[in-house]
Amino acid sequence: MGEGPRARSPIPGSPAARAEPHSQDESLSATPDPVTIDNECLVHVDVIEEFGLRNVTVEIWDPNDELALRQNMQVGGPYEVTFVPGMTGSHVVKVIAIDESGNVAVDSLTFTAKEATKPPTSETDHPPVTDYLPILLAAAILAIVLMAVCVVLLVRRKRRRS
């Protein structure tokens, strides 16, 4: 019997693979990681077919250890699955590859889904104009008073010269 299907190195789940999950050298990746819930996450699998591949299955398990997705992939690839997580937490991607001789290779990866950050509302960015009305009114009154004082001073000055 042959070795069966195998993943390219580094082995997913090793410290090197977890340190940079978007590396092209990896056999299994999920991007983006973390992903926000209700947004797409692309799971990519590299499978080396040494002895003829019979089946590749991708499973995604949610944080409650319930199967969220099971997809049999078309032999020959590409081996990619788009998944939209519906809850926050760690999701586990499990890939099962079986060759023509019945050899099984299993690999896994964990990715995180988080809550989307809400953009600030326009009211917190820019308070309504009505919040500035007392300041604007005070500034207008101050301007009128200053203009009146200037007019009075100019009139007095003109009278002294005459």
Protein backbone atom coordinates (compact mmCIF):
# COMPACT_ATOMS: atom_id res chain seq x y z
CA MET A 1 0.00 0.00 0.00
CA GLY A 2 1.14 3.55 -0.73
CA GLU A 3 1.42 6.46 1.60
CA GLY A 4 -1.90 7.98 0.52
CA PRO A 5 -2.77 11.65 0.19
CA ARG A 6 -0.70 14.00 2.27
CA ALA A 7 -0.55 17.68 3.05
CA ARG A 8 2.31 19.98 2.10
CA SER A 9 4.50 21.08 4.97
CA PRO A 10 4.26 22.76 7.41
CA ILE A 11 1.61 20.60 9.02
CA PRO A 12 -1.44 22.77 9.84
CA GLY A 13 -1.83 23.18 13.55
CA SER A 14 1.92 23.40 14.09
CA PRO A 15 3.20 26.66 15.61
CA ALA A 16 4.63 27.73 12.22
CA ALA A 17 1.28 27.24 10.50
CA ARG A 18 -0.68 29.09 13.16
CA ALA A 19 1.73 32.01 13.19
CA GLU A 20 0.93 32.94 9.59
CA PRO A 21 -2.33 31.28 8.46
CA HIS A 22 -2.28 33.01 5.07
CA SER A 23 1.04 31.60 3.89
CA GLN A 24 0.98 29.96 0.46
CA ASP A 25 3.16 27.11 1.78
CA GLU A 26 0.39 25.79 3.97
CA SER A 27 -1.85 22.91 3.12
CA LEU A 28 -4.87 24.35 4.93
CA SER A 29 -5.87 27.98 5.49
CA ALA A 30 -8.90 30.08 6.40
CA THR A 31 -8.99 33.74 5.36
CA PRO A 32 -9.61 36.17 6.84
CA ASP A 33 -8.84 35.02 10.35
CA PRO A 34 -10.46 36.34 12.38
CA VAL A 35 -13.60 36.74 10.31
CA THR A 36 -16.64 38.73 11.44
CA ILE A 37 -19.88 36.81 11.77
CA ASP A 38 -22.20 36.95 8.77
CA ASN A 39 -19.18 37.55 6.48
CA GLU A 40 -17.47 35.07 4.18
CA CYS A 41 -14.43 33.04 5.17
CA LEU A 42 -12.54 31.18 2.43
CA VAL A 43 -11.15 27.78 3.42
CA HIS A 44 -8.40 26.60 1.06
CA VAL A 45 -6.92 23.09 1.07
CA ASP A 46 -3.85 21.80 -0.80
CA VAL A 47 -3.94 18.04 -1.31
CA ILE A 48 -1.01 16.21 -2.92
CA GLU A 49 -2.38 13.35 -4.99
CA GLU A 50 0.34 10.70 -5.01
CA PHE A 51 -1.72 7.55 -5.53
CA GLY A 52 -4.99 8.76 -7.03
CA LEU A 53 -7.46 10.58 -4.90
CA ARG A 54 -10.92 9.11 -4.36
CA ASN A 55 -12.55 11.68 -2.06
CA VAL A 56 -11.87 14.97 -0.24
CA THR A 57 -14.39 16.15 2.34
CA VAL A 58 -14.31 19.45 4.24
CA GLU A 59 -16.20 19.75 7.53
CA ILE A 60 -16.61 22.91 9.57
CA TRP A 61 -17.59 22.58 13.23
CA ASP A 62 -19.01 25.54 15.16
CA PRO A 63 -18.02 26.61 18.71
CA ASN A 64 -20.73 24.30 20.12
CA ASP A 65 -19.06 21.29 18.42
CA GLU A 66 -21.97 20.98 16.00
CA LEU A 67 -21.40 20.28 12.32
CA ALA A 68 -22.01 23.57 10.49
CA LEU A 69 -20.95 22.41 7.01
CA ARG A 70 -19.92 19.21 5.26
CA GLN A 71 -18.91 19.44 1.65
CA ASN A 72 -17.53 16.72 -0.62
CA MET A 73 -15.07 18.28 -3.01
CA GLN A 74 -14.65 17.47 -6.68
CA VAL A 75 -11.49 15.41 -7.13
CA GLY A 76 -8.86 17.48 -8.93
CA GLY A 77 -9.75 20.68 -7.09
CA PRO A 78 -9.69 23.47 -6.49
CA TYR A 79 -10.32 22.53 -2.91
CA GLU A 80 -11.97 25.67 -1.57
CA VAL A 81 -15.07 26.25 0.50
CA THR A 82 -16.73 29.55 1.31
CA PHE A 83 -18.31 29.58 4.76
CA VAL A 84 -20.31 32.29 6.54
CA PRO A 85 -20.15 31.80 10.33
CA GLY A 86 -23.31 32.65 12.19
CA MET A 87 -21.83 32.75 15.68
CA THR A 88 -18.72 34.03 17.41
CA GLY A 89 -15.98 31.76 18.67
CA SER A 90 -13.54 29.16 17.43
CA HIS A 91 -14.56 27.10 14.41
CA VAL A 92 -12.71 23.93 13.45
CA VAL A 93 -12.10 23.00 9.82
CA LYS A 94 -11.50 19.29 9.32
CA VAL A 95 -10.32 17.90 5.97
CA ILE A 96 -10.57 14.19 5.20
CA ALA A 97 -8.78 12.90 2.08
CA ILE A 98 -9.06 9.26 0.92
CA ASP A 99 -6.97 7.80 -1.88
CA GLU A 100 -7.83 4.94 -4.25
CA SER A 101 -6.14 2.44 -1.91
CA GLY A 102 -8.36 3.51 0.99
CA ASN A 103 -5.65 5.39 2.89
CA VAL A 104 -7.08 8.26 4.90
CA ALA A 105 -5.40 11.57 5.72
CA VAL A 106 -7.05 13.99 8.15
CA ASP A 107 -5.98 17.54 8.86
CA SER A 108 -7.56 20.38 10.82
CA LEU A 109 -7.35 24.09 11.41
CA THR A 110 -9.08 26.48 13.81
CA PHE A 111 -10.25 29.96 12.85
CA THR A 112 -12.05 32.59 14.88
CA ALA A 113 -15.32 34.37 14.17
CA LYS A 114 -15.92 37.60 16.04
CA GLU A 115 -18.68 40.16 16.38
CA ALA A 116 -18.60 42.94 13.81
CA THR A 117 -17.66 46.32 15.22
CA LYS A 118 -20.41 48.82 14.63
CA PRO A 119 -19.42 52.04 12.91
CA PRO A 120 -20.14 55.16 14.95
CA THR A 121 -23.44 56.80 14.20
CA SER A 122 -23.53 60.24 12.65
CA GLU A 123 -24.80 61.68 15.93
CA THR A 124 -21.68 60.58 17.79
CA ASP A 125 -19.45 61.77 14.97
CA HIS A 126 -21.23 65.11 14.55
CA PRO A 127 -23.76 66.24 17.16
CA PRO A 128 -26.99 67.68 15.76
CA VAL A 129 -26.94 71.39 14.85
CA THR A 130 -29.50 72.08 17.57
CA ASP A 131 -26.80 71.29 20.16
CA TYR A 132 -24.84 74.31 18.89
CA LEU A 133 -27.73 76.81 18.86
CA PRO A 134 -27.05 78.31 22.33
CA ILE A 135 -23.38 78.81 21.40
CA LEU A 136 -24.28 80.33 18.03
CA LEU A 137 -26.85 82.65 19.66
CA ALA A 138 -24.34 83.82 22.29
CA ALA A 139 -21.73 84.44 19.57
CA ALA A 140 -24.23 86.47 17.52
CA ILE A 141 -25.19 88.60 20.53
CA LEU A 142 -21.52 89.17 21.39
CA ALA A 143 -20.81 90.24 17.79
CA ILE A 144 -23.72 92.73 17.85
CA VAL A 145 -22.56 94.17 21.18
CA LEU A 146 -18.98 94.54 19.89
CA MET A 147 -20.19 96.25 16.73
CA ALA A 148 -22.34 98.65 18.79
CA VAL A 149 -19.36 99.49 21.02
CA CYS A 150 -17.21 100.14 17.94
CA VAL A 151 -19.86 102.44 16.44
CA VAL A 152 -20.18 104.39 19.71
CA LEU A 153 -16.39 104.77 19.98
CA LEU A 154 -16.13 105.92 16.36
CA VAL A 155 -18.90 108.48 16.80
CA ARG A 156 -17.25 109.86 19.99
CA ARG A 157 -13.91 110.05 18.26
CA LYS A 158 -15.43 111.88 15.29
CA ARG A 159 -17.13 114.39 17.62
CA ARG A 160 -13.88 115.17 19.43
CA ARG A 161 -12.13 115.97 16.17
CA SER A 162 -14.82 118.28 15.04
